[in-house]
Amino acid sequence: MNFVALGTGAAITYAESGDADMLLVHAPSSELPVLNNGYGVDRKIVAYNFFVIVGPASDPAHIAGLTNVTQAMINIYNAANTPGSNVL
């Protein structure tokens, strides 16, 4: 068995040319067309990314309860650029 480290697009191209028996990639939008075009037979999800924003209970950026990550990042940025803020 040989391992070849490539980005998702290159790995898919490599496999489509018949040079790989298995892929471990992380871009479902790129993976599904490979299966739909007959190059793959058994897609399995082996990992999933979760991202968590953490901070002090005092919530100086006022992000507790937000479900929009873009707004949370804007709040953190703005708080960090407010004079006297303890947000880093």
PDB file of N, CA and C in Angstrom:
ATOM      1  N   MET A   1       0.835  -1.152   0.000  1.00  0.00           N
ATOM      2  CA  MET A   1       0.000   0.000   0.000  1.00  0.00           C
ATOM      3  C   MET A   1       0.897   1.238   0.000  1.00  0.00           C
ATOM      4  N   ASN A   2       0.540   2.192  -0.839  1.00  0.00           N
ATOM      5  CA  ASN A   2       1.259   3.458  -0.915  1.00  0.00           C
ATOM      6  C   ASN A   2       0.297   4.599  -0.628  1.00  0.00           C
ATOM      7  N   PHE A   3       0.740   5.577   0.142  1.00  0.00           N
ATOM      8  CA  PHE A   3      -0.052   6.760   0.431  1.00  0.00           C
ATOM      9  C   PHE A   3       0.484   7.917  -0.392  1.00  0.00           C
ATOM     10  N   VAL A   4      -0.427   8.676  -0.981  1.00  0.00           N
ATOM     11  CA  VAL A   4      -0.048   9.853  -1.752  1.00  0.00           C
ATOM     12  C   VAL A   4      -0.857  11.024  -1.198  1.00  0.00           C
ATOM     13  N   ALA A   5      -0.182  12.019  -0.676  1.00  0.00           N
ATOM     14  CA  ALA A   5      -0.854  13.187  -0.106  1.00  0.00           C
ATOM     15  C   ALA A   5      -1.062  14.234  -1.189  1.00  0.00           C
ATOM     16  N   LEU A   6      -2.324  14.539  -1.460  1.00  0.00           N
ATOM     17  CA  LEU A   6      -2.684  15.529  -2.473  1.00  0.00           C
ATOM     18  C   LEU A   6      -3.876  16.331  -1.978  1.00  0.00           C
ATOM     19  N   GLY A   7      -4.107  17.468  -2.567  1.00  0.00           N
ATOM     20  CA  GLY A   7      -5.337  18.210  -2.287  1.00  0.00           C
ATOM     21  C   GLY A   7      -6.518  17.460  -2.873  1.00  0.00           C
ATOM     22  N   THR A   8      -7.710  17.825  -2.459  1.00  0.00           N
ATOM     23  CA  THR A   8      -8.911  17.109  -2.887  1.00  0.00           C
ATOM     24  C   THR A   8      -9.030  17.017  -4.399  1.00  0.00           C
ATOM     25  N   GLY A   9      -8.891  18.132  -5.099  1.00  0.00           N
ATOM     26  CA  GLY A   9      -9.036  18.130  -6.556  1.00  0.00           C
ATOM     27  C   GLY A   9      -8.014  17.243  -7.240  1.00  0.00           C
ATOM     28  N   ALA A  10      -6.764  17.334  -6.807  1.00  0.00           N
ATOM     29  CA  ALA A  10      -5.709  16.511  -7.397  1.00  0.00           C
ATOM     30  C   ALA A  10      -5.930  15.035  -7.073  1.00  0.00           C
ATOM     31  N   ALA A  11      -6.373  14.743  -5.853  1.00  0.00           N
ATOM     32  CA  ALA A  11      -6.624  13.346  -5.475  1.00  0.00           C
ATOM     33  C   ALA A  11      -7.740  12.754  -6.313  1.00  0.00           C
ATOM     34  N   ILE A  12      -8.781  13.535  -6.552  1.00  0.00           N
ATOM     35  CA  ILE A  12      -9.895  13.048  -7.370  1.00  0.00           C
ATOM     36  C   ILE A  12      -9.429  12.802  -8.798  1.00  0.00           C
ATOM     37  N   THR A  13      -8.661  13.714  -9.360  1.00  0.00           N
ATOM     38  CA  THR A  13      -8.126  13.532 -10.712  1.00  0.00           C
ATOM     39  C   THR A  13      -7.261  12.285 -10.784  1.00  0.00           C
ATOM     40  N   TYR A  14      -6.429  12.089  -9.777  1.00  0.00           N
ATOM     41  CA  TYR A  14      -5.548  10.918  -9.673  1.00  0.00           C
ATOM     42  C   TYR A  14      -6.383   9.633  -9.675  1.00  0.00           C
ATOM     43  N   ALA A  15      -7.449   9.624  -8.894  1.00  0.00           N
ATOM     44  CA  ALA A  15      -8.297   8.435  -8.810  1.00  0.00           C
ATOM     45  C   ALA A  15      -9.067   8.197 -10.103  1.00  0.00           C
ATOM     46  N   GLU A  16      -9.560   9.268 -10.707  1.00  0.00           N
ATOM     47  CA  GLU A  16     -10.316   9.121 -11.957  1.00  0.00           C
ATOM     48  C   GLU A  16      -9.451   8.565 -13.081  1.00  0.00           C
ATOM     49  N   SER A  17      -8.156   8.777 -12.993  1.00  0.00           N
ATOM     50  CA  SER A  17      -7.261   8.232 -14.020  1.00  0.00           C
ATOM     51  C   SER A  17      -6.926   6.763 -13.744  1.00  0.00           C
ATOM     52  N   GLY A  18      -7.456   6.225 -12.639  1.00  0.00           N
ATOM     53  CA  GLY A  18      -7.221   4.816 -12.317  1.00  0.00           C
ATOM     54  C   GLY A  18      -5.988   4.577 -11.469  1.00  0.00           C
ATOM     55  N   ASP A  19      -5.425   5.635 -10.898  1.00  0.00           N
ATOM     56  CA  ASP A  19      -4.193   5.503 -10.130  1.00  0.00           C
ATOM     57  C   ASP A  19      -4.410   5.429  -8.621  1.00  0.00           C
ATOM     58  N   ALA A  20      -5.653   5.243  -8.178  1.00  0.00           N
ATOM     59  CA  ALA A  20      -5.931   5.119  -6.744  1.00  0.00           C
ATOM     60  C   ALA A  20      -7.093   4.163  -6.535  1.00  0.00           C
ATOM     61  N   ASP A  21      -7.039   3.436  -5.461  1.00  0.00           N
ATOM     62  CA  ASP A  21      -8.121   2.519  -5.113  1.00  0.00           C
ATOM     63  C   ASP A  21      -9.028   3.080  -4.028  1.00  0.00           C
ATOM     64  N   MET A  22      -8.535   4.076  -3.304  1.00  0.00           N
ATOM     65  CA  MET A  22      -9.315   4.670  -2.229  1.00  0.00           C
ATOM     66  C   MET A  22      -8.917   6.134  -2.064  1.00  0.00           C
ATOM     67  N   LEU A  23      -9.887   6.967  -1.734  1.00  0.00           N
ATOM     68  CA  LEU A  23      -9.631   8.380  -1.472  1.00  0.00           C
ATOM     69  C   LEU A  23     -10.083   8.718  -0.065  1.00  0.00           C
ATOM     70  N   LEU A  24      -9.350   9.598   0.570  1.00  0.00           N
ATOM     71  CA  LEU A  24      -9.767  10.189   1.829  1.00  0.00           C
ATOM     72  C   LEU A  24      -9.679  11.695   1.620  1.00  0.00           C
ATOM     73  N   VAL A  25     -10.818  12.296   1.300  1.00  0.00           N
ATOM     74  CA  VAL A  25     -10.878  13.717   0.988  1.00  0.00           C
ATOM     75  C   VAL A  25     -11.977  14.365   1.822  1.00  0.00           C
ATOM     76  N   HIS A  26     -12.085  15.684   1.744  1.00  0.00           N
ATOM     77  CA  HIS A  26     -13.017  16.377   2.625  1.00  0.00           C
ATOM     78  C   HIS A  26     -13.822  17.468   1.933  1.00  0.00           C
ATOM     79  N   ALA A  27     -14.272  17.221   0.744  1.00  0.00           N
ATOM     80  CA  ALA A  27     -15.069  18.216   0.032  1.00  0.00           C
ATOM     81  C   ALA A  27     -16.262  17.532  -0.628  1.00  0.00           C
ATOM     82  N   PRO A  28     -17.374  17.374   0.115  1.00  0.00           N
ATOM     83  CA  PRO A  28     -18.534  16.672  -0.437  1.00  0.00           C
ATOM     84  C   PRO A  28     -18.983  17.202  -1.789  1.00  0.00           C
ATOM     85  N   SER A  29     -18.888  18.507  -2.015  1.00  0.00           N
ATOM     86  CA  SER A  29     -19.322  19.059  -3.299  1.00  0.00           C
ATOM     87  C   SER A  29     -18.457  18.563  -4.451  1.00  0.00           C
ATOM     88  N   SER A  30     -17.234  18.146  -4.153  1.00  0.00           N
ATOM     89  CA  SER A  30     -16.346  17.589  -5.179  1.00  0.00           C
ATOM     90  C   SER A  30     -16.441  16.070  -5.235  1.00  0.00           C
ATOM     91  N   GLU A  31     -16.786  15.454  -4.113  1.00  0.00           N
ATOM     92  CA  GLU A  31     -16.836  13.995  -4.036  1.00  0.00           C
ATOM     93  C   GLU A  31     -18.059  13.419  -4.748  1.00  0.00           C
ATOM     94  N   LEU A  32     -19.204  14.054  -4.564  1.00  0.00           N
ATOM     95  CA  LEU A  32     -20.443  13.488  -5.095  1.00  0.00           C
ATOM     96  C   LEU A  32     -20.448  13.332  -6.614  1.00  0.00           C
ATOM     97  N   PRO A  33     -19.934  14.309  -7.379  1.00  0.00           N
ATOM     98  CA  PRO A  33     -19.873  14.099  -8.834  1.00  0.00           C
ATOM     99  C   PRO A  33     -19.007  12.891  -9.218  1.00  0.00           C
ATOM    100  N   VAL A  34     -17.974  12.610  -8.459  1.00  0.00           N
ATOM    101  CA  VAL A  34     -17.118  11.445  -8.738  1.00  0.00           C
ATOM    102  C   VAL A  34     -17.955  10.175  -8.636  1.00  0.00           C
ATOM    103  N   LEU A  35     -18.744  10.082  -7.580  1.00  0.00           N
ATOM    104  CA  LEU A  35     -19.610   8.912  -7.421  1.00  0.00           C
ATOM    105  C   LEU A  35     -20.664   8.862  -8.516  1.00  0.00           C
ATOM    106  N   ASN A  36     -21.287  10.003  -8.793  1.00  0.00           N
ATOM    107  CA  ASN A  36     -22.344  10.043  -9.817  1.00  0.00           C
ATOM    108  C   ASN A  36     -21.820   9.716 -11.205  1.00  0.00           C
ATOM    109  N   ASN A  37     -20.536   9.926 -11.450  1.00  0.00           N
ATOM    110  CA  ASN A  37     -19.931   9.603 -12.745  1.00  0.00           C
ATOM    111  C   ASN A  37     -19.369   8.189 -12.787  1.00  0.00           C
ATOM    112  N   GLY A  38     -19.630   7.400 -11.745  1.00  0.00           N
ATOM    113  CA  GLY A  38     -19.247   5.993 -11.762  1.00  0.00           C
ATOM    114  C   GLY A  38     -17.833   5.686 -11.310  1.00  0.00           C
ATOM    115  N   TYR A  39     -17.134   6.654 -10.724  1.00  0.00           N
ATOM    116  CA  TYR A  39     -15.756   6.403 -10.288  1.00  0.00           C
ATOM    117  C   TYR A  39     -15.669   5.865  -8.862  1.00  0.00           C
ATOM    118  N   GLY A  40     -16.719   5.983  -8.110  1.00  0.00           N
ATOM    119  CA  GLY A  40     -16.698   5.503  -6.734  1.00  0.00           C
ATOM    120  C   GLY A  40     -17.900   4.632  -6.460  1.00  0.00           C
ATOM    121  N   VAL A  41     -17.783   3.795  -5.445  1.00  0.00           N
ATOM    122  CA  VAL A  41     -18.888   2.880  -5.167  1.00  0.00           C
ATOM    123  C   VAL A  41     -19.387   2.907  -3.723  1.00  0.00           C
ATOM    124  N   ASP A  42     -18.618   3.448  -2.794  1.00  0.00           N
ATOM    125  CA  ASP A  42     -19.024   3.328  -1.395  1.00  0.00           C
ATOM    126  C   ASP A  42     -18.492   4.495  -0.573  1.00  0.00           C
ATOM    127  N   ARG A  43     -19.194   5.623  -0.613  1.00  0.00           N
ATOM    128  CA  ARG A  43     -18.751   6.808   0.121  1.00  0.00           C
ATOM    129  C   ARG A  43     -19.135   6.670   1.586  1.00  0.00           C
ATOM    130  N   LYS A  44     -18.187   6.929   2.464  1.00  0.00           N
ATOM    131  CA  LYS A  44     -18.411   6.884   3.908  1.00  0.00           C
ATOM    132  C   LYS A  44     -17.881   8.169   4.524  1.00  0.00           C
ATOM    133  N   ILE A  45     -18.599   8.714   5.480  1.00  0.00           N
ATOM    134  CA  ILE A  45     -18.124   9.862   6.231  1.00  0.00           C
ATOM    135  C   ILE A  45     -17.340   9.326   7.415  1.00  0.00           C
ATOM    136  N   VAL A  46     -16.069   9.703   7.508  1.00  0.00           N
ATOM    137  CA  VAL A  46     -15.220   9.208   8.598  1.00  0.00           C
ATOM    138  C   VAL A  46     -14.856  10.304   9.598  1.00  0.00           C
ATOM    139  N   ALA A  47     -15.143  11.555   9.274  1.00  0.00           N
ATOM    140  CA  ALA A  47     -14.829  12.654  10.189  1.00  0.00           C
ATOM    141  C   ALA A  47     -15.738  13.826   9.859  1.00  0.00           C
ATOM    142  N   TYR A  48     -15.860  14.701  10.802  1.00  0.00           N
ATOM    143  CA  TYR A  48     -16.693  15.882  10.619  1.00  0.00           C
ATOM    144  C   TYR A  48     -16.067  17.028  11.403  1.00  0.00           C
ATOM    145  N   ASN A  49     -16.108  18.219  10.856  1.00  0.00           N
ATOM    146  CA  ASN A  49     -15.535  19.387  11.531  1.00  0.00           C
ATOM    147  C   ASN A  49     -16.595  20.109  12.357  1.00  0.00           C
ATOM    148  N   PHE A  50     -16.238  20.451  13.570  1.00  0.00           N
ATOM    149  CA  PHE A  50     -17.054  21.302  14.412  1.00  0.00           C
ATOM    150  C   PHE A  50     -16.193  22.486  14.824  1.00  0.00           C
ATOM    151  N   PHE A  51     -16.731  23.651  14.741  1.00  0.00           N
ATOM    152  CA  PHE A  51     -16.002  24.849  15.132  1.00  0.00           C
ATOM    153  C   PHE A  51     -16.727  25.493  16.302  1.00  0.00           C
ATOM    154  N   VAL A  52     -15.975  25.882  17.303  1.00  0.00           N
ATOM    155  CA  VAL A  52     -16.553  26.446  18.513  1.00  0.00           C
ATOM    156  C   VAL A  52     -15.817  27.744  18.846  1.00  0.00           C
ATOM    157  N   ILE A  53     -16.580  28.782  19.132  1.00  0.00           N
ATOM    158  CA  ILE A  53     -15.990  30.036  19.594  1.00  0.00           C
ATOM    159  C   ILE A  53     -16.088  30.019  21.112  1.00  0.00           C
ATOM    160  N   VAL A  54     -14.968  30.229  21.768  1.00  0.00           N
ATOM    161  CA  VAL A  54     -14.953  30.229  23.230  1.00  0.00           C
ATOM    162  C   VAL A  54     -14.467  31.574  23.750  1.00  0.00           C
ATOM    163  N   GLY A  55     -14.845  31.861  24.953  1.00  0.00           N
ATOM    164  CA  GLY A  55     -14.418  33.111  25.567  1.00  0.00           C
ATOM    165  C   GLY A  55     -14.873  33.164  27.002  1.00  0.00           C
ATOM    166  N   PRO A  56     -14.599  34.277  27.658  1.00  0.00           N
ATOM    167  CA  PRO A  56     -14.949  34.397  29.075  1.00  0.00           C
ATOM    168  C   PRO A  56     -16.469  34.476  29.268  1.00  0.00           C
ATOM    169  N   ALA A  57     -16.900  34.061  30.448  1.00  0.00           N
ATOM    170  CA  ALA A  57     -18.330  34.088  30.780  1.00  0.00           C
ATOM    171  C   ALA A  57     -18.901  35.500  30.731  1.00  0.00           C
ATOM    172  N   SER A  58     -18.053  36.508  30.918  1.00  0.00           N
ATOM    173  CA  SER A  58     -18.532  37.899  30.891  1.00  0.00           C
ATOM    174  C   SER A  58     -18.962  38.344  29.489  1.00  0.00           C
ATOM    175  N   ASP A  59     -18.568  37.599  28.472  1.00  0.00           N
ATOM    176  CA  ASP A  59     -18.973  37.823  27.077  1.00  0.00           C
ATOM    177  C   ASP A  59     -18.771  39.268  26.613  1.00  0.00           C
ATOM    178  N   PRO A  60     -17.526  39.765  26.646  1.00  0.00           N
ATOM    179  CA  PRO A  60     -17.285  41.166  26.285  1.00  0.00           C
ATOM    180  C   PRO A  60     -17.605  41.505  24.830  1.00  0.00           C
ATOM    181  N   ALA A  61     -17.658  40.512  23.954  1.00  0.00           N
ATOM    182  CA  ALA A  61     -17.991  40.768  22.552  1.00  0.00           C
ATOM    183  C   ALA A  61     -19.481  40.568  22.276  1.00  0.00           C
ATOM    184  N   HIS A  62     -20.223  40.161  23.290  1.00  0.00           N
ATOM    185  CA  HIS A  62     -21.678  39.971  23.174  1.00  0.00           C
ATOM    186  C   HIS A  62     -22.047  38.993  22.056  1.00  0.00           C
ATOM    187  N   ILE A  63     -21.483  37.806  22.136  1.00  0.00           N
ATOM    188  CA  ILE A  63     -21.768  36.799  21.105  1.00  0.00           C
ATOM    189  C   ILE A  63     -22.599  35.620  21.620  1.00  0.00           C
ATOM    190  N   ALA A  64     -22.805  35.549  22.928  1.00  0.00           N
ATOM    191  CA  ALA A  64     -23.582  34.433  23.480  1.00  0.00           C
ATOM    192  C   ALA A  64     -24.955  34.371  22.816  1.00  0.00           C
ATOM    193  N   GLY A  65     -25.313  33.197  22.368  1.00  0.00           N
ATOM    194  CA  GLY A  65     -26.624  32.986  21.768  1.00  0.00           C
ATOM    195  C   GLY A  65     -26.699  33.266  20.278  1.00  0.00           C
ATOM    196  N   LEU A  66     -25.668  33.870  19.711  1.00  0.00           N
ATOM    197  CA  LEU A  66     -25.696  34.123  18.265  1.00  0.00           C
ATOM    198  C   LEU A  66     -25.612  32.804  17.502  1.00  0.00           C
ATOM    199  N   THR A  67     -26.331  32.716  16.418  1.00  0.00           N
ATOM    200  CA  THR A  67     -26.238  31.534  15.546  1.00  0.00           C
ATOM    201  C   THR A  67     -25.586  31.879  14.212  1.00  0.00           C
ATOM    202  N   ASN A  68     -25.336  33.151  13.972  1.00  0.00           N
ATOM    203  CA  ASN A  68     -24.698  33.601  12.750  1.00  0.00           C
ATOM    204  C   ASN A  68     -23.213  33.818  13.029  1.00  0.00           C
ATOM    205  N   VAL A  69     -22.367  32.928  12.536  1.00  0.00           N
ATOM    206  CA  VAL A  69     -20.936  33.001  12.825  1.00  0.00           C
ATOM    207  C   VAL A  69     -20.309  34.283  12.267  1.00  0.00           C
ATOM    208  N   THR A  70     -20.804  34.754  11.147  1.00  0.00           N
ATOM    209  CA  THR A  70     -20.278  35.994  10.577  1.00  0.00           C
ATOM    210  C   THR A  70     -20.524  37.154  11.537  1.00  0.00           C
ATOM    211  N   GLN A  71     -21.719  37.220  12.102  1.00  0.00           N
ATOM    212  CA  GLN A  71     -22.024  38.285  13.053  1.00  0.00           C
ATOM    213  C   GLN A  71     -21.168  38.144  14.303  1.00  0.00           C
ATOM    214  N   ALA A  72     -20.945  36.930  14.767  1.00  0.00           N
ATOM    215  CA  ALA A  72     -20.096  36.713  15.942  1.00  0.00           C
ATOM    216  C   ALA A  72     -18.687  37.224  15.679  1.00  0.00           C
ATOM    217  N   MET A  73     -18.133  36.921  14.515  1.00  0.00           N
ATOM    218  CA  MET A  73     -16.785  37.382  14.180  1.00  0.00           C
ATOM    219  C   MET A  73     -16.732  38.901  14.058  1.00  0.00           C
ATOM    220  N   ILE A  74     -17.777  39.506  13.509  1.00  0.00           N
ATOM    221  CA  ILE A  74     -17.843  40.967  13.419  1.00  0.00           C
ATOM    222  C   ILE A  74     -17.856  41.565  14.823  1.00  0.00           C
ATOM    223  N   ASN A  75     -18.654  40.969  15.709  1.00  0.00           N
ATOM    224  CA  ASN A  75     -18.715  41.462  17.091  1.00  0.00           C
ATOM    225  C   ASN A  75     -17.355  41.352  17.773  1.00  0.00           C
ATOM    226  N   ILE A  76     -16.680  40.238  17.584  1.00  0.00           N
ATOM    227  CA  ILE A  76     -15.363  40.044  18.202  1.00  0.00           C
ATOM    228  C   ILE A  76     -14.374  41.062  17.647  1.00  0.00           C
ATOM    229  N   TYR A  77     -14.373  41.239  16.338  1.00  0.00           N
ATOM    230  CA  TYR A  77     -13.477  42.212  15.704  1.00  0.00           C
ATOM    231  C   TYR A  77     -13.734  43.619  16.244  1.00  0.00           C
ATOM    232  N   ASN A  78     -15.018  44.001  16.268  1.00  0.00           N
ATOM    233  CA  ASN A  78     -15.357  45.338  16.743  1.00  0.00           C
ATOM    234  C   ASN A  78     -14.976  45.525  18.209  1.00  0.00           C
ATOM    235  N   ALA A  79     -15.218  44.515  19.026  1.00  0.00           N
ATOM    236  CA  ALA A  79     -14.869  44.615  20.445  1.00  0.00           C
ATOM    237  C   ALA A  79     -13.357  44.731  20.612  1.00  0.00           C
ATOM    238  N   ALA A  80     -12.605  43.992  19.831  1.00  0.00           N
ATOM    239  CA  ALA A  80     -11.150  44.034  19.928  1.00  0.00           C
ATOM    240  C   ALA A  80     -10.574  45.378  19.504  1.00  0.00           C
ATOM    241  N   ASN A  81     -11.313  46.104  18.678  1.00  0.00           N
ATOM    242  CA  ASN A  81     -10.856  47.404  18.202  1.00  0.00           C
ATOM    243  C   ASN A  81     -11.501  48.576  18.921  1.00  0.00           C
ATOM    244  N   THR A  82     -12.169  48.284  20.022  1.00  0.00           N
ATOM    245  CA  THR A  82     -12.769  49.332  20.845  1.00  0.00           C
ATOM    246  C   THR A  82     -11.771  49.735  21.923  1.00  0.00           C
ATOM    247  N   PRO A  83     -11.439  51.009  22.024  1.00  0.00           N
ATOM    248  CA  PRO A  83     -10.485  51.440  23.066  1.00  0.00           C
ATOM    249  C   PRO A  83     -10.938  51.001  24.463  1.00  0.00           C
ATOM    250  N   GLY A  84     -10.001  50.463  25.219  1.00  0.00           N
ATOM    251  CA  GLY A  84     -10.284  50.012  26.584  1.00  0.00           C
ATOM    252  C   GLY A  84     -10.868  48.617  26.671  1.00  0.00           C
ATOM    253  N   SER A  85     -11.115  47.987  25.529  1.00  0.00           N
ATOM    254  CA  SER A  85     -11.680  46.639  25.534  1.00  0.00           C
ATOM    255  C   SER A  85     -10.643  45.624  25.968  1.00  0.00           C
ATOM    256  N   ASN A  86     -11.085  44.570  26.623  1.00  0.00           N
ATOM    257  CA  ASN A  86     -10.170  43.482  26.991  1.00  0.00           C
ATOM    258  C   ASN A  86     -10.273  42.306  26.026  1.00  0.00           C
ATOM    259  N   VAL A  87     -10.928  42.515  24.887  1.00  0.00           N
ATOM    260  CA  VAL A  87     -11.011  41.476  23.860  1.00  0.00           C
ATOM    261  C   VAL A  87      -9.743  41.529  23.029  1.00  0.00           C
ATOM    262  N   LEU A  88      -9.088  40.391  22.902  1.00  0.00           N
ATOM    263  CA  LEU A  88      -7.835  40.350  22.149  1.00  0.00           C
ATOM    264  C   LEU A  88      -8.035  39.706  20.816  1.00  0.00           C
TER     265      LEU A  88
END
